[in-house]
């Protein structure tokens, strides 16, 4: 039997708020979910599902895993994240291979917007 990656689970105090942010950012609708949880995507989708599970405590410290979101325009991507309730951390890296900016969702989970050089 082959193992396969099917999803990423994010701990959230406000599941609905954080899931709505990611749903709009990635244009992925919520699928069937457990009560109190939100799943973006459906089982069997070509992309892994994002799962938002409720927890009582807010995040503390830097997470050791984050998502990379490819964008066509970094400035437009930053503006979209901010308009959806996220924030730009101020961290930007310009590499020969492209640009990476560090963002945070409404609960502070960091992720990167990436624009690859062609």
PDB file of N, CA and C in Angstrom:
ATOM      1  N   UNK A   1       0.839  -1.182   0.000  1.00  0.00           N
ATOM      2  CA  UNK A   1       0.000   0.000   0.000  1.00  0.00           C
ATOM      3  C   UNK A   1       0.882   1.241   0.000  1.00  0.00           C
ATOM      4  N   UNK A   2       0.572   2.185  -0.867  1.00  0.00           N
ATOM      5  CA  UNK A   2       1.357   3.419  -0.959  1.00  0.00           C
ATOM      6  C   UNK A   2       0.779   4.488  -0.045  1.00  0.00           C
ATOM      7  N   UNK A   3       1.651   5.166   0.656  1.00  0.00           N
ATOM      8  CA  UNK A   3       1.215   6.290   1.480  1.00  0.00           C
ATOM      9  C   UNK A   3       1.007   7.499   0.589  1.00  0.00           C
ATOM     10  N   UNK A   4       0.070   8.354   0.974  1.00  0.00           N
ATOM     11  CA  UNK A   4      -0.127   9.594   0.224  1.00  0.00           C
ATOM     12  C   UNK A   4      -0.556  10.690   1.172  1.00  0.00           C
ATOM     13  N   UNK A   5      -0.198  11.899   0.822  1.00  0.00           N
ATOM     14  CA  UNK A   5      -0.508  13.070   1.614  1.00  0.00           C
ATOM     15  C   UNK A   5      -1.919  13.514   1.269  1.00  0.00           C
ATOM     16  N   UNK A   6      -2.783  13.665   2.284  1.00  0.00           N
ATOM     17  CA  UNK A   6      -4.187  14.003   2.023  1.00  0.00           C
ATOM     18  C   UNK A   6      -4.622  15.330   2.629  1.00  0.00           C
ATOM     19  N   UNK A   7      -3.831  15.912   3.548  1.00  0.00           N
ATOM     20  CA  UNK A   7      -4.267  17.172   4.123  1.00  0.00           C
ATOM     21  C   UNK A   7      -3.285  17.764   5.104  1.00  0.00           C
ATOM     22  N   UNK A   8      -3.593  18.995   5.489  1.00  0.00           N
ATOM     23  CA  UNK A   8      -2.855  19.724   6.510  1.00  0.00           C
ATOM     24  C   UNK A   8      -3.886  20.207   7.518  1.00  0.00           C
ATOM     25  N   UNK A   9      -3.634  20.003   8.802  1.00  0.00           N
ATOM     26  CA  UNK A   9      -4.555  20.425   9.850  1.00  0.00           C
ATOM     27  C   UNK A   9      -3.967  21.621  10.580  1.00  0.00           C
ATOM     28  N   UNK A  10      -4.803  22.644  10.772  1.00  0.00           N
ATOM     29  CA  UNK A  10      -4.396  23.877  11.427  1.00  0.00           C
ATOM     30  C   UNK A  10      -5.210  24.032  12.707  1.00  0.00           C
ATOM     31  N   UNK A  11      -4.540  24.206  13.841  1.00  0.00           N
ATOM     32  CA  UNK A  11      -5.216  24.472  15.107  1.00  0.00           C
ATOM     33  C   UNK A  11      -5.666  25.929  15.129  1.00  0.00           C
ATOM     34  N   UNK A  12      -6.934  26.177  15.535  1.00  0.00           N
ATOM     35  CA  UNK A  12      -7.477  27.535  15.536  1.00  0.00           C
ATOM     36  C   UNK A  12      -8.354  27.774  16.758  1.00  0.00           C
ATOM     37  N   UNK A  13      -8.288  28.962  17.279  1.00  0.00           N
ATOM     38  CA  UNK A  13      -9.228  29.374  18.315  1.00  0.00           C
ATOM     39  C   UNK A  13     -10.558  29.730  17.647  1.00  0.00           C
ATOM     40  N   UNK A  14     -10.515  30.519  16.553  1.00  0.00           N
ATOM     41  CA  UNK A  14     -11.708  30.910  15.805  1.00  0.00           C
ATOM     42  C   UNK A  14     -11.692  30.192  14.450  1.00  0.00           C
ATOM     43  N   UNK A  15     -12.174  28.967  14.451  1.00  0.00           N
ATOM     44  CA  UNK A  15     -12.123  28.106  13.261  1.00  0.00           C
ATOM     45  C   UNK A  15     -12.804  28.763  12.061  1.00  0.00           C
ATOM     46  N   UNK A  16     -13.989  29.307  12.258  1.00  0.00           N
ATOM     47  CA  UNK A  16     -14.742  29.896  11.143  1.00  0.00           C
ATOM     48  C   UNK A  16     -13.980  31.057  10.505  1.00  0.00           C
ATOM     49  N   UNK A  17     -13.402  31.917  11.327  1.00  0.00           N
ATOM     50  CA  UNK A  17     -12.675  33.088  10.809  1.00  0.00           C
ATOM     51  C   UNK A  17     -11.442  32.670  10.023  1.00  0.00           C
ATOM     52  N   UNK A  18     -10.655  31.777  10.584  1.00  0.00           N
ATOM     53  CA  UNK A  18      -9.421  31.362   9.912  1.00  0.00           C
ATOM     54  C   UNK A  18      -9.744  30.567   8.645  1.00  0.00           C
ATOM     55  N   UNK A  19     -10.710  29.674   8.713  1.00  0.00           N
ATOM     56  CA  UNK A  19     -11.095  28.892   7.526  1.00  0.00           C
ATOM     57  C   UNK A  19     -11.637  29.792   6.424  1.00  0.00           C
ATOM     58  N   UNK A  20     -12.431  30.809   6.786  1.00  0.00           N
ATOM     59  CA  UNK A  20     -12.965  31.733   5.779  1.00  0.00           C
ATOM     60  C   UNK A  20     -11.832  32.497   5.090  1.00  0.00           C
ATOM     61  N   UNK A  21     -10.815  32.905   5.862  1.00  0.00           N
ATOM     62  CA  UNK A  21      -9.651  33.586   5.288  1.00  0.00           C
ATOM     63  C   UNK A  21      -8.998  32.699   4.224  1.00  0.00           C
ATOM     64  N   UNK A  22      -8.685  31.448   4.582  1.00  0.00           N
ATOM     65  CA  UNK A  22      -8.005  30.544   3.658  1.00  0.00           C
ATOM     66  C   UNK A  22      -8.905  30.148   2.495  1.00  0.00           C
ATOM     67  N   UNK A  23     -10.188  30.009   2.733  1.00  0.00           N
ATOM     68  CA  UNK A  23     -11.122  29.675   1.660  1.00  0.00           C
ATOM     69  C   UNK A  23     -11.117  30.762   0.589  1.00  0.00           C
ATOM     70  N   UNK A  24     -11.159  32.020   1.014  1.00  0.00           N
ATOM     71  CA  UNK A  24     -11.151  33.131   0.056  1.00  0.00           C
ATOM     72  C   UNK A  24      -9.785  33.286  -0.604  1.00  0.00           C
ATOM     73  N   UNK A  25      -8.707  33.146   0.168  1.00  0.00           N
ATOM     74  CA  UNK A  25      -7.367  33.311  -0.394  1.00  0.00           C
ATOM     75  C   UNK A  25      -7.081  32.266  -1.468  1.00  0.00           C
ATOM     76  N   UNK A  26      -7.466  31.018  -1.208  1.00  0.00           N
ATOM     77  CA  UNK A  26      -7.146  29.920  -2.127  1.00  0.00           C
ATOM     78  C   UNK A  26      -8.307  29.548  -3.046  1.00  0.00           C
ATOM     79  N   UNK A  27      -9.443  30.224  -2.903  1.00  0.00           N
ATOM     80  CA  UNK A  27     -10.637  29.922  -3.692  1.00  0.00           C
ATOM     81  C   UNK A  27     -11.000  28.439  -3.597  1.00  0.00           C
ATOM     82  N   UNK A  28     -11.027  27.958  -2.349  1.00  0.00           N
ATOM     83  CA  UNK A  28     -11.395  26.561  -2.076  1.00  0.00           C
ATOM     84  C   UNK A  28     -12.588  26.561  -1.136  1.00  0.00           C
ATOM     85  N   UNK A  29     -13.717  26.037  -1.587  1.00  0.00           N
ATOM     86  CA  UNK A  29     -14.909  26.013  -0.741  1.00  0.00           C
ATOM     87  C   UNK A  29     -14.809  24.958   0.358  1.00  0.00           C
ATOM     88  N   UNK A  30     -15.590  25.191   1.391  1.00  0.00           N
ATOM     89  CA  UNK A  30     -15.663  24.206   2.475  1.00  0.00           C
ATOM     90  C   UNK A  30     -16.431  22.986   1.997  1.00  0.00           C
ATOM     91  N   UNK A  31     -15.969  21.825   2.403  1.00  0.00           N
ATOM     92  CA  UNK A  31     -16.653  20.568   2.116  1.00  0.00           C
ATOM     93  C   UNK A  31     -17.305  20.053   3.385  1.00  0.00           C
ATOM     94  N   UNK A  32     -17.820  18.843   3.339  1.00  0.00           N
ATOM     95  CA  UNK A  32     -18.411  18.264   4.547  1.00  0.00           C
ATOM     96  C   UNK A  32     -17.385  18.248   5.682  1.00  0.00           C
ATOM     97  N   UNK A  33     -17.813  18.669   6.862  1.00  0.00           N
ATOM     98  CA  UNK A  33     -16.908  18.814   7.994  1.00  0.00           C
ATOM     99  C   UNK A  33     -17.541  18.259   9.269  1.00  0.00           C
ATOM    100  N   UNK A  34     -16.697  17.899  10.221  1.00  0.00           N
ATOM    101  CA  UNK A  34     -17.163  17.512  11.555  1.00  0.00           C
ATOM    102  C   UNK A  34     -17.718  18.746  12.250  1.00  0.00           C
ATOM    103  N   UNK A  35     -18.639  18.611  13.186  1.00  0.00           N
ATOM    104  CA  UNK A  35     -19.145  19.769  13.921  1.00  0.00           C
ATOM    105  C   UNK A  35     -18.012  20.531  14.613  1.00  0.00           C
ATOM    106  N   UNK A  36     -17.984  21.852  14.394  1.00  0.00           N
ATOM    107  CA  UNK A  36     -16.956  22.697  14.991  1.00  0.00           C
ATOM    108  C   UNK A  36     -15.666  22.786  14.191  1.00  0.00           C
ATOM    109  N   UNK A  37     -15.513  21.947  13.199  1.00  0.00           N
ATOM    110  CA  UNK A  37     -14.334  21.931  12.339  1.00  0.00           C
ATOM    111  C   UNK A  37     -14.735  22.465  10.967  1.00  0.00           C
ATOM    112  N   UNK A  38     -13.744  22.854  10.147  1.00  0.00           N
ATOM    113  CA  UNK A  38     -14.004  23.208   8.755  1.00  0.00           C
ATOM    114  C   UNK A  38     -12.953  22.523   7.888  1.00  0.00           C
ATOM    115  N   UNK A  39     -13.420  21.836   6.846  1.00  0.00           N
ATOM    116  CA  UNK A  39     -12.547  21.191   5.868  1.00  0.00           C
ATOM    117  C   UNK A  39     -12.678  21.949   4.555  1.00  0.00           C
ATOM    118  N   UNK A  40     -11.578  22.405   3.993  1.00  0.00           N
ATOM    119  CA  UNK A  40     -11.594  23.016   2.666  1.00  0.00           C
ATOM    120  C   UNK A  40     -11.209  21.948   1.661  1.00  0.00           C
ATOM    121  N   UNK A  41     -12.093  21.702   0.722  1.00  0.00           N
ATOM    122  CA  UNK A  41     -11.887  20.661  -0.272  1.00  0.00           C
ATOM    123  C   UNK A  41     -12.646  19.413   0.102  1.00  0.00           C
ATOM    124  N   UNK A  42     -12.600  18.458  -0.803  1.00  0.00           N
ATOM    125  CA  UNK A  42     -13.321  17.200  -0.644  1.00  0.00           C
ATOM    126  C   UNK A  42     -12.347  16.029  -0.638  1.00  0.00           C
ATOM    127  N   UNK A  43     -12.722  14.929   0.014  1.00  0.00           N
ATOM    128  CA  UNK A  43     -11.872  13.732  -0.091  1.00  0.00           C
ATOM    129  C   UNK A  43     -11.695  13.370  -1.569  1.00  0.00           C
ATOM    130  N   UNK A  44     -10.493  13.032  -1.944  1.00  0.00           N
ATOM    131  CA  UNK A  44     -10.226  12.659  -3.326  1.00  0.00           C
ATOM    132  C   UNK A  44      -9.866  13.819  -4.229  1.00  0.00           C
ATOM    133  N   UNK A  45      -9.896  15.065  -3.717  1.00  0.00           N
ATOM    134  CA  UNK A  45      -9.470  16.212  -4.528  1.00  0.00           C
ATOM    135  C   UNK A  45      -8.011  16.023  -4.931  1.00  0.00           C
ATOM    136  N   UNK A  46      -7.608  16.588  -6.071  1.00  0.00           N
ATOM    137  CA  UNK A  46      -6.193  16.474  -6.460  1.00  0.00           C
ATOM    138  C   UNK A  46      -5.253  17.200  -5.500  1.00  0.00           C
ATOM    139  N   UNK A  47      -5.737  18.242  -4.831  1.00  0.00           N
ATOM    140  CA  UNK A  47      -4.930  18.938  -3.834  1.00  0.00           C
ATOM    141  C   UNK A  47      -5.308  18.428  -2.450  1.00  0.00           C
ATOM    142  N   UNK A  48      -4.357  18.357  -1.526  1.00  0.00           N
ATOM    143  CA  UNK A  48      -4.697  17.978  -0.154  1.00  0.00           C
ATOM    144  C   UNK A  48      -5.696  18.967   0.459  1.00  0.00           C
ATOM    145  N   UNK A  49      -6.548  18.462   1.335  1.00  0.00           N
ATOM    146  CA  UNK A  49      -7.507  19.332   2.011  1.00  0.00           C
ATOM    147  C   UNK A  49      -6.811  20.120   3.119  1.00  0.00           C
ATOM    148  N   UNK A  50      -7.347  21.292   3.412  1.00  0.00           N
ATOM    149  CA  UNK A  50      -6.943  22.051   4.593  1.00  0.00           C
ATOM    150  C   UNK A  50      -8.022  21.833   5.630  1.00  0.00           C
ATOM    151  N   UNK A  51      -7.609  21.436   6.822  1.00  0.00           N
ATOM    152  CA  UNK A  51      -8.533  21.122   7.901  1.00  0.00           C
ATOM    153  C   UNK A  51      -8.267  22.085   9.052  1.00  0.00           C
ATOM    154  N   UNK A  52      -9.315  22.721   9.552  1.00  0.00           N
ATOM    155  CA  UNK A  52      -9.199  23.669  10.655  1.00  0.00           C
ATOM    156  C   UNK A  52      -9.908  23.071  11.857  1.00  0.00           C
ATOM    157  N   UNK A  53      -9.136  22.809  12.914  1.00  0.00           N
ATOM    158  CA  UNK A  53      -9.693  22.170  14.103  1.00  0.00           C
ATOM    159  C   UNK A  53      -9.671  23.141  15.277  1.00  0.00           C
ATOM    160  N   UNK A  54     -10.697  23.094  16.126  1.00  0.00           N
ATOM    161  CA  UNK A  54     -10.756  24.016  17.249  1.00  0.00           C
ATOM    162  C   UNK A  54      -9.816  23.608  18.377  1.00  0.00           C
ATOM    163  N   UNK A  55      -9.167  24.617  18.948  1.00  0.00           N
ATOM    164  CA  UNK A  55      -8.344  24.445  20.146  1.00  0.00           C
ATOM    165  C   UNK A  55      -8.620  25.631  21.061  1.00  0.00           C
ATOM    166  N   UNK A  56      -8.355  25.475  22.332  1.00  0.00           N
ATOM    167  CA  UNK A  56      -8.653  26.532  23.304  1.00  0.00           C
ATOM    168  C   UNK A  56      -7.567  27.601  23.365  1.00  0.00           C
ATOM    169  N   UNK A  57      -6.317  27.219  23.084  1.00  0.00           N
ATOM    170  CA  UNK A  57      -5.214  28.156  23.275  1.00  0.00           C
ATOM    171  C   UNK A  57      -4.752  28.745  21.943  1.00  0.00           C
ATOM    172  N   UNK A  58      -4.414  30.056  21.932  1.00  0.00           N
ATOM    173  CA  UNK A  58      -3.899  30.672  20.707  1.00  0.00           C
ATOM    174  C   UNK A  58      -2.490  30.169  20.414  1.00  0.00           C
ATOM    175  N   UNK A  59      -2.024  30.332  19.162  1.00  0.00           N
ATOM    176  CA  UNK A  59      -0.674  29.877  18.835  1.00  0.00           C
ATOM    177  C   UNK A  59       0.373  30.670  19.613  1.00  0.00           C
ATOM    178  N   UNK A  60       1.451  29.984  19.988  1.00  0.00           N
ATOM    179  CA  UNK A  60       2.576  30.642  20.647  1.00  0.00           C
ATOM    180  C   UNK A  60       3.850  30.193  19.952  1.00  0.00           C
ATOM    181  N   UNK A  61       4.738  31.119  19.735  1.00  0.00           N
ATOM    182  CA  UNK A  61       6.002  30.783  19.097  1.00  0.00           C
ATOM    183  C   UNK A  61       5.858  30.559  17.600  1.00  0.00           C
ATOM    184  N   UNK A  62       6.975  30.395  16.962  1.00  0.00           N
ATOM    185  CA  UNK A  62       7.018  30.191  15.514  1.00  0.00           C
ATOM    186  C   UNK A  62       6.725  28.733  15.185  1.00  0.00           C
ATOM    187  N   UNK A  63       5.820  28.523  14.242  1.00  0.00           N
ATOM    188  CA  UNK A  63       5.534  27.169  13.777  1.00  0.00           C
ATOM    189  C   UNK A  63       6.696  26.679  12.924  1.00  0.00           C
ATOM    190  N   UNK A  64       6.951  25.402  12.940  1.00  0.00           N
ATOM    191  CA  UNK A  64       8.071  24.837  12.193  1.00  0.00           C
ATOM    192  C   UNK A  64       7.651  24.350  10.817  1.00  0.00           C
ATOM    193  N   UNK A  65       6.389  24.559  10.455  1.00  0.00           N
ATOM    194  CA  UNK A  65       5.863  24.151   9.156  1.00  0.00           C
ATOM    195  C   UNK A  65       4.961  25.269   8.671  1.00  0.00           C
ATOM    196  N   UNK A  66       5.035  25.596   7.382  1.00  0.00           N
ATOM    197  CA  UNK A  66       4.131  26.611   6.849  1.00  0.00           C
ATOM    198  C   UNK A  66       3.809  26.292   5.394  1.00  0.00           C
ATOM    199  N   UNK A  67       2.773  26.927   4.891  1.00  0.00           N
ATOM    200  CA  UNK A  67       2.366  26.750   3.501  1.00  0.00           C
ATOM    201  C   UNK A  67       3.025  27.814   2.639  1.00  0.00           C
ATOM    202  N   UNK A  68       3.324  27.478   1.385  1.00  0.00           N
ATOM    203  CA  UNK A  68       3.768  28.434   0.377  1.00  0.00           C
ATOM    204  C   UNK A  68       2.630  28.592  -0.621  1.00  0.00           C
ATOM    205  N   UNK A  69       2.271  29.833  -0.918  1.00  0.00           N
ATOM    206  CA  UNK A  69       1.186  30.133  -1.844  1.00  0.00           C
ATOM    207  C   UNK A  69       1.787  30.896  -3.023  1.00  0.00           C
ATOM    208  N   UNK A  70       1.718  30.321  -4.219  1.00  0.00           N
ATOM    209  CA  UNK A  70       2.262  30.964  -5.414  1.00  0.00           C
ATOM    210  C   UNK A  70       1.317  32.070  -5.875  1.00  0.00           C
ATOM    211  N   UNK A  71       1.890  33.222  -6.219  1.00  0.00           N
ATOM    212  CA  UNK A  71       1.126  34.362  -6.722  1.00  0.00           C
ATOM    213  C   UNK A  71       1.758  34.863  -8.011  1.00  0.00           C
ATOM    214  N   UNK A  72       0.943  35.513  -8.842  1.00  0.00           N
ATOM    215  CA  UNK A  72       1.458  36.109 -10.073  1.00  0.00           C
ATOM    216  C   UNK A  72       2.122  37.452  -9.810  1.00  0.00           C
ATOM    217  N   UNK A  73       1.632  38.168  -8.786  1.00  0.00           N
ATOM    218  CA  UNK A  73       2.153  39.491  -8.448  1.00  0.00           C
ATOM    219  C   UNK A  73       2.253  39.588  -6.921  1.00  0.00           C
ATOM    220  N   UNK A  74       3.446  39.801  -6.411  1.00  0.00           N
ATOM    221  CA  UNK A  74       3.675  39.823  -4.968  1.00  0.00           C
ATOM    222  C   UNK A  74       2.909  40.965  -4.304  1.00  0.00           C
ATOM    223  N   UNK A  75       2.961  42.162  -4.866  1.00  0.00           N
ATOM    224  CA  UNK A  75       2.276  43.301  -4.245  1.00  0.00           C
ATOM    225  C   UNK A  75       0.765  43.086  -4.201  1.00  0.00           C
ATOM    226  N   UNK A  76       0.199  42.549  -5.278  1.00  0.00           N
ATOM    227  CA  UNK A  76      -1.242  42.252  -5.281  1.00  0.00           C
ATOM    228  C   UNK A  76      -1.555  41.154  -4.259  1.00  0.00           C
ATOM    229  N   UNK A  77      -0.675  40.168  -4.136  1.00  0.00           N
ATOM    230  CA  UNK A  77      -0.867  39.104  -3.151  1.00  0.00           C
ATOM    231  C   UNK A  77      -0.859  39.637  -1.735  1.00  0.00           C
ATOM    232  N   UNK A  78       0.076  40.533  -1.436  1.00  0.00           N
ATOM    233  CA  UNK A  78       0.133  41.144  -0.109  1.00  0.00           C
ATOM    234  C   UNK A  78      -1.156  41.916   0.159  1.00  0.00           C
ATOM    235  N   UNK A  79      -1.598  42.707  -0.810  1.00  0.00           N
ATOM    236  CA  UNK A  79      -2.824  43.494  -0.648  1.00  0.00           C
ATOM    237  C   UNK A  79      -4.031  42.590  -0.413  1.00  0.00           C
ATOM    238  N   UNK A  80      -4.098  41.470  -1.128  1.00  0.00           N
ATOM    239  CA  UNK A  80      -5.219  40.542  -0.957  1.00  0.00           C
ATOM    240  C   UNK A  80      -5.221  39.948   0.452  1.00  0.00           C
ATOM    241  N   UNK A  81      -4.065  39.509   0.922  1.00  0.00           N
ATOM    242  CA  UNK A  81      -3.978  38.925   2.264  1.00  0.00           C
ATOM    243  C   UNK A  81      -4.421  39.944   3.316  1.00  0.00           C
ATOM    244  N   UNK A  82      -3.948  41.171   3.201  1.00  0.00           N
ATOM    245  CA  UNK A  82      -4.309  42.215   4.170  1.00  0.00           C
ATOM    246  C   UNK A  82      -5.807  42.506   4.100  1.00  0.00           C
ATOM    247  N   UNK A  83      -6.376  42.584   2.896  1.00  0.00           N
ATOM    248  CA  UNK A  83      -7.813  42.845   2.742  1.00  0.00           C
ATOM    249  C   UNK A  83      -8.657  41.722   3.345  1.00  0.00           C
ATOM    250  N   UNK A  84      -8.123  40.499   3.359  1.00  0.00           N
ATOM    251  CA  UNK A  84      -8.851  39.356   3.917  1.00  0.00           C
ATOM    252  C   UNK A  84      -8.681  39.229   5.433  1.00  0.00           C
ATOM    253  N   UNK A  85      -7.869  40.092   6.035  1.00  0.00           N
ATOM    254  CA  UNK A  85      -7.693  40.058   7.483  1.00  0.00           C
ATOM    255  C   UNK A  85      -6.366  39.510   7.956  1.00  0.00           C
ATOM    256  N   UNK A  86      -5.474  39.182   7.013  1.00  0.00           N
ATOM    257  CA  UNK A  86      -4.134  38.734   7.371  1.00  0.00           C
ATOM    258  C   UNK A  86      -3.198  39.924   7.467  1.00  0.00           C
ATOM    259  N   UNK A  87      -1.896  39.641   7.592  1.00  0.00           N
ATOM    260  CA  UNK A  87      -0.933  40.744   7.676  1.00  0.00           C
ATOM    261  C   UNK A  87       0.398  40.360   7.044  1.00  0.00           C
ATOM    262  N   UNK A  88       1.106  41.388   6.606  1.00  0.00           N
ATOM    263  CA  UNK A  88       2.463  41.254   6.083  1.00  0.00           C
ATOM    264  C   UNK A  88       3.411  41.402   7.265  1.00  0.00           C
ATOM    265  N   UNK A  89       4.315  40.457   7.455  1.00  0.00           N
ATOM    266  CA  UNK A  89       5.232  40.503   8.597  1.00  0.00           C
ATOM    267  C   UNK A  89       6.374  41.493   8.384  1.00  0.00           C
ATOM    268  N   UNK A  90       6.543  41.958   7.145  1.00  0.00           N
ATOM    269  CA  UNK A  90       7.656  42.845   6.834  1.00  0.00           C
ATOM    270  C   UNK A  90       8.875  42.095   6.319  1.00  0.00           C
ATOM    271  N   UNK A  91       8.806  40.767   6.329  1.00  0.00           N
ATOM    272  CA  UNK A  91       9.939  39.956   5.879  1.00  0.00           C
ATOM    273  C   UNK A  91       9.793  39.634   4.397  1.00  0.00           C
ATOM    274  N   UNK A  92      10.805  40.001   3.626  1.00  0.00           N
ATOM    275  CA  UNK A  92      10.814  39.764   2.178  1.00  0.00           C
ATOM    276  C   UNK A  92      12.206  39.284   1.784  1.00  0.00           C
ATOM    277  N   UNK A  93      12.238  38.297   0.898  1.00  0.00           N
ATOM    278  CA  UNK A  93      13.505  37.768   0.402  1.00  0.00           C
ATOM    279  C   UNK A  93      13.465  37.775  -1.117  1.00  0.00           C
ATOM    280  N   UNK A  94      14.460  38.407  -1.728  1.00  0.00           N
ATOM    281  CA  UNK A  94      14.588  38.428  -3.182  1.00  0.00           C
ATOM    282  C   UNK A  94      15.753  37.522  -3.559  1.00  0.00           C
ATOM    283  N   UNK A  95      15.433  36.469  -4.290  1.00  0.00           N
ATOM    284  CA  UNK A  95      16.424  35.484  -4.723  1.00  0.00           C
ATOM    285  C   UNK A  95      16.492  35.476  -6.248  1.00  0.00           C
ATOM    286  N   UNK A  96      17.536  34.862  -6.803  1.00  0.00           N
ATOM    287  CA  UNK A  96      17.600  34.693  -8.249  1.00  0.00           C
ATOM    288  C   UNK A  96      16.399  33.889  -8.754  1.00  0.00           C
ATOM    289  N   UNK A  97      15.936  32.937  -7.940  1.00  0.00           N
ATOM    290  CA  UNK A  97      14.829  32.068  -8.339  1.00  0.00           C
ATOM    291  C   UNK A  97      13.458  32.718  -8.152  1.00  0.00           C
ATOM    292  N   UNK A  98      13.403  33.876  -7.476  1.00  0.00           N
ATOM    293  CA  UNK A  98      12.121  34.540  -7.285  1.00  0.00           C
ATOM    294  C   UNK A  98      12.053  35.305  -5.979  1.00  0.00           C
ATOM    295  N   UNK A  99      10.827  35.647  -5.589  1.00  0.00           N
ATOM    296  CA  UNK A  99      10.577  36.460  -4.402  1.00  0.00           C
ATOM    297  C   UNK A  99       9.739  35.668  -3.412  1.00  0.00           C
ATOM    298  N   UNK A 100      10.062  35.810  -2.131  1.00  0.00           N
ATOM    299  CA  UNK A 100       9.295  35.189  -1.048  1.00  0.00           C
ATOM    300  C   UNK A 100       8.984  36.269  -0.023  1.00  0.00           C
ATOM    301  N   UNK A 101       7.701  36.394   0.346  1.00  0.00           N
ATOM    302  CA  UNK A 101       7.321  37.307   1.423  1.00  0.00           C
ATOM    303  C   UNK A 101       6.586  36.500   2.484  1.00  0.00           C
ATOM    304  N   UNK A 102       6.864  36.822   3.748  1.00  0.00           N
ATOM    305  CA  UNK A 102       6.252  36.107   4.857  1.00  0.00           C
ATOM    306  C   UNK A 102       5.003  36.864   5.305  1.00  0.00           C
ATOM    307  N   UNK A 103       3.889  36.140   5.336  1.00  0.00           N
ATOM    308  CA  UNK A 103       2.596  36.695   5.714  1.00  0.00           C
ATOM    309  C   UNK A 103       2.070  35.944   6.934  1.00  0.00           C
ATOM    310  N   UNK A 104       0.963  36.415   7.497  1.00  0.00           N
ATOM    311  CA  UNK A 104       0.324  35.723   8.611  1.00  0.00           C
ATOM    312  C   UNK A 104      -1.190  35.789   8.426  1.00  0.00           C
ATOM    313  N   UNK A 105      -1.875  34.705   8.774  1.00  0.00           N
ATOM    314  CA  UNK A 105      -3.336  34.683   8.688  1.00  0.00           C
ATOM    315  C   UNK A 105      -3.927  35.404   9.903  1.00  0.00           C
ATOM    316  N   UNK A 106      -5.248  35.482  10.037  1.00  0.00           N
ATOM    317  CA  UNK A 106      -5.840  36.252  11.145  1.00  0.00           C
ATOM    318  C   UNK A 106      -5.444  35.802  12.548  1.00  0.00           C
ATOM    319  N   UNK A 107      -5.008  34.559  12.738  1.00  0.00           N
ATOM    320  CA  UNK A 107      -4.559  34.114  14.060  1.00  0.00           C
ATOM    321  C   UNK A 107      -3.043  34.078  14.185  1.00  0.00           C
ATOM    322  N   UNK A 108      -2.335  34.573  13.172  1.00  0.00           N
ATOM    323  CA  UNK A 108      -0.880  34.660  13.260  1.00  0.00           C
ATOM    324  C   UNK A 108      -0.124  33.474  12.694  1.00  0.00           C
ATOM    325  N   UNK A 109      -0.819  32.502  12.074  1.00  0.00           N
ATOM    326  CA  UNK A 109      -0.114  31.388  11.427  1.00  0.00           C
ATOM    327  C   UNK A 109       0.634  31.948  10.219  1.00  0.00           C
ATOM    328  N   UNK A 110       1.951  31.807  10.223  1.00  0.00           N
ATOM    329  CA  UNK A 110       2.743  32.349   9.121  1.00  0.00           C
ATOM    330  C   UNK A 110       2.687  31.443   7.896  1.00  0.00           C
ATOM    331  N   UNK A 111       2.770  32.080   6.730  1.00  0.00           N
ATOM    332  CA  UNK A 111       2.867  31.387   5.442  1.00  0.00           C
ATOM    333  C   UNK A 111       3.611  32.309   4.487  1.00  0.00           C
ATOM    334  N   UNK A 112       4.021  31.777   3.347  1.00  0.00           N
ATOM    335  CA  UNK A 112       4.757  32.577   2.391  1.00  0.00           C
ATOM    336  C   UNK A 112       3.988  32.745   1.098  1.00  0.00           C
ATOM    337  N   UNK A 113       4.060  33.958   0.554  1.00  0.00           N
ATOM    338  CA  UNK A 113       3.649  34.196  -0.817  1.00  0.00           C
ATOM    339  C   UNK A 113       4.912  34.095  -1.635  1.00  0.00           C
ATOM    340  N   UNK A 114       4.876  33.338  -2.719  1.00  0.00           N
ATOM    341  CA  UNK A 114       6.068  33.147  -3.543  1.00  0.00           C
ATOM    342  C   UNK A 114       5.761  33.516  -4.986  1.00  0.00           C
ATOM    343  N   UNK A 115       6.712  34.147  -5.613  1.00  0.00           N
ATOM    344  CA  UNK A 115       6.636  34.487  -7.035  1.00  0.00           C
ATOM    345  C   UNK A 115       7.919  33.984  -7.637  1.00  0.00           C
ATOM    346  N   UNK A 116       7.820  32.922  -8.424  1.00  0.00           N
ATOM    347  CA  UNK A 116       9.005  32.321  -9.033  1.00  0.00           C
ATOM    348  C   UNK A 116       9.415  33.067 -10.279  1.00  0.00           C
ATOM    349  N   UNK A 117      10.730  33.264 -10.457  1.00  0.00           N
ATOM    350  CA  UNK A 117      11.245  33.865 -11.673  1.00  0.00           C
ATOM    351  C   UNK A 117      11.063  32.874 -12.809  1.00  0.00           C
ATOM    352  N   UNK A 118      10.804  33.379 -13.965  1.00  0.00           N
ATOM    353  CA  UNK A 118      10.562  32.490 -15.113  1.00  0.00           C
ATOM    354  C   UNK A 118      11.822  32.239 -15.876  1.00  0.00           C
TER     355      UNK A 118
END
